[in-house]
PDB file of N, CA and C in Angstrom:
ATOM      1  N   MET A   1     -23.250 -14.260  -5.687  1.00  0.00           N
ATOM      2  CA  MET A   1     -23.319 -13.824  -4.307  1.00  0.00           C
ATOM      3  C   MET A   1     -24.171 -14.774  -3.470  1.00  0.00           C
ATOM      4  N   SER A   2     -25.205 -15.318  -4.069  1.00  0.00           N
ATOM      5  CA  SER A   2     -26.076 -16.220  -3.310  1.00  0.00           C
ATOM      6  C   SER A   2     -25.381 -17.557  -3.010  1.00  0.00           C
ATOM      7  N   VAL A   3     -24.334 -17.874  -3.766  1.00  0.00           N
ATOM      8  CA  VAL A   3     -23.589 -19.104  -3.513  1.00  0.00           C
ATOM      9  C   VAL A   3     -22.859 -19.009  -2.171  1.00  0.00           C
ATOM     10  N   LEU A   4     -22.452 -17.808  -1.791  1.00  0.00           N
ATOM     11  CA  LEU A   4     -21.756 -17.625  -0.522  1.00  0.00           C
ATOM     12  C   LEU A   4     -22.640 -17.974   0.671  1.00  0.00           C
ATOM     13  N   TYR A   5     -23.944 -17.820   0.537  1.00  0.00           N
ATOM     14  CA  TYR A   5     -24.853 -18.160   1.633  1.00  0.00           C
ATOM     15  C   TYR A   5     -24.860 -19.664   1.907  1.00  0.00           C
ATOM     16  N   ILE A   6     -24.480 -20.437   0.918  1.00  0.00           N
ATOM     17  CA  ILE A   6     -24.415 -21.895   1.082  1.00  0.00           C
ATOM     18  C   ILE A   6     -22.968 -22.337   1.335  1.00  0.00           C
ATOM     19  N   ALA A   7     -22.035 -21.784   0.584  1.00  0.00           N
ATOM     20  CA  ALA A   7     -20.646 -22.235   0.657  1.00  0.00           C
ATOM     21  C   ALA A   7     -19.971 -21.830   1.967  1.00  0.00           C
ATOM     22  N   LEU A   8     -20.242 -20.646   2.457  1.00  0.00           N
ATOM     23  CA  LEU A   8     -19.589 -20.179   3.675  1.00  0.00           C
ATOM     24  C   LEU A   8     -19.976 -21.010   4.904  1.00  0.00           C
ATOM     25  N   PRO A   9     -21.249 -21.285   5.150  1.00  0.00           N
ATOM     26  CA  PRO A   9     -21.567 -22.148   6.303  1.00  0.00           C
ATOM     27  C   PRO A   9     -21.008 -23.564   6.165  1.00  0.00           C
ATOM     28  N   ILE A  10     -21.004 -24.093   4.948  1.00  0.00           N
ATOM     29  CA  ILE A  10     -20.439 -25.433   4.744  1.00  0.00           C
ATOM     30  C   ILE A  10     -18.943 -25.419   5.038  1.00  0.00           C
ATOM     31  N   ALA A  11     -18.239 -24.394   4.573  1.00  0.00           N
ATOM     32  CA  ALA A  11     -16.804 -24.290   4.826  1.00  0.00           C
ATOM     33  C   ALA A  11     -16.522 -24.134   6.320  1.00  0.00           C
ATOM     34  N   LEU A  12     -17.325 -23.342   7.005  1.00  0.00           N
ATOM     35  CA  LEU A  12     -17.139 -23.173   8.447  1.00  0.00           C
ATOM     36  C   LEU A  12     -17.417 -24.466   9.201  1.00  0.00           C
ATOM     37  N   LEU A  13     -18.434 -25.203   8.794  1.00  0.00           N
ATOM     38  CA  LEU A  13     -18.740 -26.479   9.443  1.00  0.00           C
ATOM     39  C   LEU A  13     -17.623 -27.499   9.217  1.00  0.00           C
ATOM     40  N   LEU A  14     -17.111 -27.574   8.005  1.00  0.00           N
ATOM     41  CA  LEU A  14     -16.020 -28.506   7.720  1.00  0.00           C
ATOM     42  C   LEU A  14     -14.748 -28.115   8.476  1.00  0.00           C
ATOM     43  N   GLY A  15     -14.453 -26.837   8.524  1.00  0.00           N
ATOM     44  CA  GLY A  15     -13.279 -26.378   9.266  1.00  0.00           C
ATOM     45  C   GLY A  15     -13.417 -26.629  10.758  1.00  0.00           C
ATOM     46  N   GLY A  16     -14.592 -26.356  11.295  1.00  0.00           N
ATOM     47  CA  GLY A  16     -14.832 -26.622  12.714  1.00  0.00           C
ATOM     48  C   GLY A  16     -14.776 -28.103  13.028  1.00  0.00           C
ATOM     49  N   GLY A  17     -15.308 -28.926  12.128  1.00  0.00           N
ATOM     50  CA  GLY A  17     -15.241 -30.376  12.325  1.00  0.00           C
ATOM     51  C   GLY A  17     -13.810 -30.880  12.293  1.00  0.00           C
ATOM     52  N   GLY A  18     -13.011 -30.345  11.396  1.00  0.00           N
ATOM     53  CA  GLY A  18     -11.600 -30.723  11.342  1.00  0.00           C
ATOM     54  C   GLY A  18     -10.851 -30.292  12.586  1.00  0.00           C
ATOM     55  N   LEU A  19     -11.160 -29.109  13.082  1.00  0.00           N
ATOM     56  CA  LEU A  19     -10.529 -28.624  14.307  1.00  0.00           C
ATOM     57  C   LEU A  19     -10.908 -29.498  15.498  1.00  0.00           C
ATOM     58  N   LEU A  20     -12.180 -29.856  15.609  1.00  0.00           N
ATOM     59  CA  LEU A  20     -12.624 -30.727  16.696  1.00  0.00           C
ATOM     60  C   LEU A  20     -11.978 -32.108  16.602  1.00  0.00           C
ATOM     61  N   ALA A  21     -11.867 -32.637  15.392  1.00  0.00           N
ATOM     62  CA  ALA A  21     -11.228 -33.944  15.217  1.00  0.00           C
ATOM     63  C   ALA A  21      -9.752 -33.882  15.606  1.00  0.00           C
ATOM     64  N   CYS A  22      -9.081 -32.804  15.255  1.00  0.00           N
ATOM     65  CA  CYS A  22      -7.669 -32.644  15.608  1.00  0.00           C
ATOM     66  C   CYS A  22      -7.499 -32.527  17.120  1.00  0.00           C
ATOM     67  N   LEU A  23      -8.327 -31.730  17.770  1.00  0.00           N
ATOM     68  CA  LEU A  23      -8.249 -31.590  19.225  1.00  0.00           C
ATOM     69  C   LEU A  23      -8.555 -32.906  19.927  1.00  0.00           C
ATOM     70  N   TYR A  24      -9.502 -33.659  19.401  1.00  0.00           N
ATOM     71  CA  TYR A  24      -9.825 -34.963  19.986  1.00  0.00           C
ATOM     72  C   TYR A  24      -8.629 -35.908  19.890  1.00  0.00           C
ATOM     73  N   CYS A  25      -7.970 -35.915  18.748  1.00  0.00           N
ATOM     74  CA  CYS A  25      -6.804 -36.787  18.568  1.00  0.00           C
ATOM     75  C   CYS A  25      -5.658 -36.373  19.479  1.00  0.00           C
ATOM     76  N   ILE A  26      -5.467 -35.088  19.672  1.00  0.00           N
ATOM     77  CA  ILE A  26      -4.394 -34.614  20.545  1.00  0.00           C
ATOM     78  C   ILE A  26      -4.689 -34.988  21.992  1.00  0.00           C
ATOM     79  N   ARG A  27      -5.921 -34.792  22.432  1.00  0.00           N
ATOM     80  CA  ARG A  27      -6.284 -35.128  23.817  1.00  0.00           C
ATOM     81  C   ARG A  27      -6.293 -36.628  24.053  1.00  0.00           C
ATOM     82  N   ASP A  28      -6.569 -37.404  23.016  1.00  0.00           N
ATOM     83  CA  ASP A  28      -6.617 -38.859  23.148  1.00  0.00           C
ATOM     84  C   ASP A  28      -5.218 -39.460  23.213  1.00  0.00           C
ATOM     85  N   GLY A  29      -4.205 -38.678  22.852  1.00  0.00           N
ATOM     86  CA  GLY A  29      -2.829 -39.140  22.969  1.00  0.00           C
ATOM     87  C   GLY A  29      -2.298 -39.836  21.734  1.00  0.00           C
ATOM     88  N   GLN A  30      -2.907 -39.633  20.598  1.00  0.00           N
ATOM     89  CA  GLN A  30      -2.457 -40.318  19.396  1.00  0.00           C
ATOM     90  C   GLN A  30      -1.157 -39.749  18.854  1.00  0.00           C
ATOM     91  N   TYR A  31      -0.799 -38.538  19.248  1.00  0.00           N
ATOM     92  CA  TYR A  31       0.422 -37.918  18.747  1.00  0.00           C
ATOM     93  C   TYR A  31       1.516 -37.877  19.799  1.00  0.00           C
ATOM     94  N   ASP A  32       1.350 -38.577  20.903  1.00  0.00           N
ATOM     95  CA  ASP A  32       2.316 -38.503  21.991  1.00  0.00           C
ATOM     96  C   ASP A  32       3.665 -39.100  21.611  1.00  0.00           C
ATOM     97  N   ASP A  33       3.679 -40.340  21.213  1.00  0.00           N
ATOM     98  CA  ASP A  33       4.938 -41.014  20.922  1.00  0.00           C
ATOM     99  C   ASP A  33       4.742 -41.908  19.707  1.00  0.00           C
ATOM    100  N   LEU A  34       5.416 -41.589  18.641  1.00  0.00           N
ATOM    101  CA  LEU A  34       5.227 -42.330  17.400  1.00  0.00           C
ATOM    102  C   LEU A  34       6.309 -43.376  17.161  1.00  0.00           C
ATOM    103  N   ASP A  35       7.431 -43.301  17.860  1.00  0.00           N
ATOM    104  CA  ASP A  35       8.552 -44.188  17.570  1.00  0.00           C
ATOM    105  C   ASP A  35       8.625 -45.408  18.470  1.00  0.00           C
ATOM    106  N   SER A  36       8.427 -45.251  19.754  1.00  0.00           N
ATOM    107  CA  SER A  36       8.685 -46.373  20.660  1.00  0.00           C
ATOM    108  C   SER A  36       7.713 -47.542  20.529  1.00  0.00           C
ATOM    109  N   PRO A  37       6.427 -47.369  20.183  1.00  0.00           N
ATOM    110  CA  PRO A  37       5.591 -48.564  20.047  1.00  0.00           C
ATOM    111  C   PRO A  37       6.067 -49.525  18.963  1.00  0.00           C
ATOM    112  N   SER A  38       6.689 -49.013  17.927  1.00  0.00           N
ATOM    113  CA  SER A  38       7.134 -49.894  16.849  1.00  0.00           C
ATOM    114  C   SER A  38       8.391 -50.671  17.214  1.00  0.00           C
ATOM    115  N   VAL A  39       9.182 -50.176  18.146  1.00  0.00           N
ATOM    116  CA  VAL A  39      10.406 -50.878  18.537  1.00  0.00           C
ATOM    117  C   VAL A  39      10.311 -51.489  19.931  1.00  0.00           C
ATOM    118  N   ARG A  40       9.172 -51.362  20.567  1.00  0.00           N
ATOM    119  CA  ARG A  40       9.018 -51.897  21.919  1.00  0.00           C
ATOM    120  C   ARG A  40       9.199 -53.406  21.947  1.00  0.00           C
ATOM    121  N   ILE A  41       8.777 -54.088  20.897  1.00  0.00           N
ATOM    122  CA  ILE A  41       8.900 -55.542  20.860  1.00  0.00           C
ATOM    123  C   ILE A  41      10.361 -55.963  20.733  1.00  0.00           C
ATOM    124  N   LEU A  42      11.223 -55.080  20.259  1.00  0.00           N
ATOM    125  CA  LEU A  42      12.629 -55.409  20.076  1.00  0.00           C
ATOM    126  C   LEU A  42      13.449 -55.241  21.349  1.00  0.00           C
ATOM    127  N   VAL A  43      12.915 -54.553  22.337  1.00  0.00           N
ATOM    128  CA  VAL A  43      13.648 -54.293  23.574  1.00  0.00           C
ATOM    129  C   VAL A  43      13.652 -55.552  24.426  1.00  0.00           C
ATOM    130  N   ASP A  44      14.836 -55.929  24.878  1.00  0.00           N
ATOM    131  CA  ASP A  44      14.982 -57.120  25.701  1.00  0.00           C
ATOM    132  C   ASP A  44      15.104 -56.695  27.159  1.00  0.00           C
ATOM    133  N   GLU A  45      14.015 -56.814  27.903  1.00  0.00           N
ATOM    134  CA  GLU A  45      14.011 -56.377  29.290  1.00  0.00           C
ATOM    135  C   GLU A  45      14.780 -57.331  30.191  1.00  0.00           C
ATOM    136  N   HIS A  46      14.877 -58.594  29.821  1.00  0.00           N
ATOM    137  CA  HIS A  46      15.570 -59.569  30.652  1.00  0.00           C
ATOM    138  C   HIS A  46      17.070 -59.294  30.695  1.00  0.00           C
ATOM    139  N   ARG A  47      17.590 -58.692  29.672  1.00  0.00           N
ATOM    140  CA  ARG A  47      19.019 -58.415  29.629  1.00  0.00           C
ATOM    141  C   ARG A  47      19.419 -57.453  30.740  1.00  0.00           C
ATOM    142  N   VAL A  48      18.583 -56.503  31.045  1.00  0.00           N
ATOM    143  CA  VAL A  48      18.877 -55.558  32.116  1.00  0.00           C
ATOM    144  C   VAL A  48      18.939 -56.295  33.446  1.00  0.00           C
ATOM    145  N   ASP A  49      18.004 -57.219  33.678  1.00  0.00           N
ATOM    146  CA  ASP A  49      18.008 -57.992  34.917  1.00  0.00           C
ATOM    147  C   ASP A  49      19.256 -58.869  35.006  1.00  0.00           C
ATOM    148  N   GLU A  50      19.658 -59.465  33.901  1.00  0.00           N
ATOM    149  CA  GLU A  50      20.858 -60.297  33.895  1.00  0.00           C
ATOM    150  C   GLU A  50      22.102 -59.462  34.186  1.00  0.00           C
ATOM    151  N   GLN A  51      22.152 -58.265  33.626  1.00  0.00           N
ATOM    152  CA  GLN A  51      23.299 -57.387  33.881  1.00  0.00           C
ATOM    153  C   GLN A  51      23.359 -57.001  35.355  1.00  0.00           C
ATOM    154  N   ALA A  52      22.222 -56.748  35.963  1.00  0.00           N
ATOM    155  CA  ALA A  52      22.198 -56.393  37.385  1.00  0.00           C
ATOM    156  C   ALA A  52      22.672 -57.562  38.231  1.00  0.00           C
ATOM    157  N   GLN A  53      22.280 -58.775  37.884  1.00  0.00           N
ATOM    158  CA  GLN A  53      22.719 -59.950  38.632  1.00  0.00           C
ATOM    159  C   GLN A  53      24.221 -60.164  38.480  1.00  0.00           C
ATOM    160  N   LEU A  54      24.727 -59.978  37.280  1.00  0.00           N
ATOM    161  CA  LEU A  54      26.166 -60.129  37.069  1.00  0.00           C
ATOM    162  C   LEU A  54      26.949 -59.095  37.865  1.00  0.00           C
ATOM    163  N   ASN A  55      26.455 -57.876  37.905  1.00  0.00           N
ATOM    164  CA  ASN A  55      27.136 -56.831  38.671  1.00  0.00           C
ATOM    165  C   ASN A  55      27.142 -57.158  40.157  1.00  0.00           C
ATOM    166  N   GLU A  56      26.042 -57.701  40.666  1.00  0.00           N
ATOM    167  CA  GLU A  56      25.982 -58.068  42.081  1.00  0.00           C
ATOM    168  C   GLU A  56      26.932 -59.224  42.385  1.00  0.00           C
ATOM    169  N   GLU A  57      27.020 -60.186  41.475  1.00  0.00           N
ATOM    170  CA  GLU A  57      27.917 -61.318  41.686  1.00  0.00           C
ATOM    171  C   GLU A  57      29.377 -60.885  41.658  1.00  0.00           C
ATOM    172  N   LEU A  58      29.693 -59.937  40.804  1.00  0.00           N
ATOM    173  CA  LEU A  58      31.073 -59.469  40.706  1.00  0.00           C
ATOM    174  C   LEU A  58      31.472 -58.628  41.914  1.00  0.00           C
ATOM    175  N   ARG A  59      30.539 -57.971  42.559  1.00  0.00           N
ATOM    176  CA  ARG A  59      30.843 -57.133  43.717  1.00  0.00           C
ATOM    177  C   ARG A  59      31.151 -57.961  44.956  1.00  0.00           C
ATOM    178  N   GLU A  60      30.564 -59.144  45.060  1.00  0.00           N
ATOM    179  CA  GLU A  60      30.788 -59.977  46.240  1.00  0.00           C
ATOM    180  C   GLU A  60      32.205 -60.556  46.198  1.00  0.00           C
ATOM    181  N   PRO A  61      32.956 -60.453  47.318  1.00  0.00           N
ATOM    182  CA  PRO A  61      34.341 -60.966  47.325  1.00  0.00           C
ATOM    183  C   PRO A  61      34.405 -62.463  47.470  1.00  0.00           C
TER     184      PRO A  61
END
């Protein structure tokens, strides 16, 4: 029974610390988007600009 006087506060402190760490990570934005940063380097932004220029050139008579 006397072990509970030590184990229970330690368990509550560890649980509270884990909860605070989880809330900090959520507020910091670490779980917002997990997929796009890894493929962002593969996206070719210039291609969109080239397509827009081609469309404008084709529209002019």
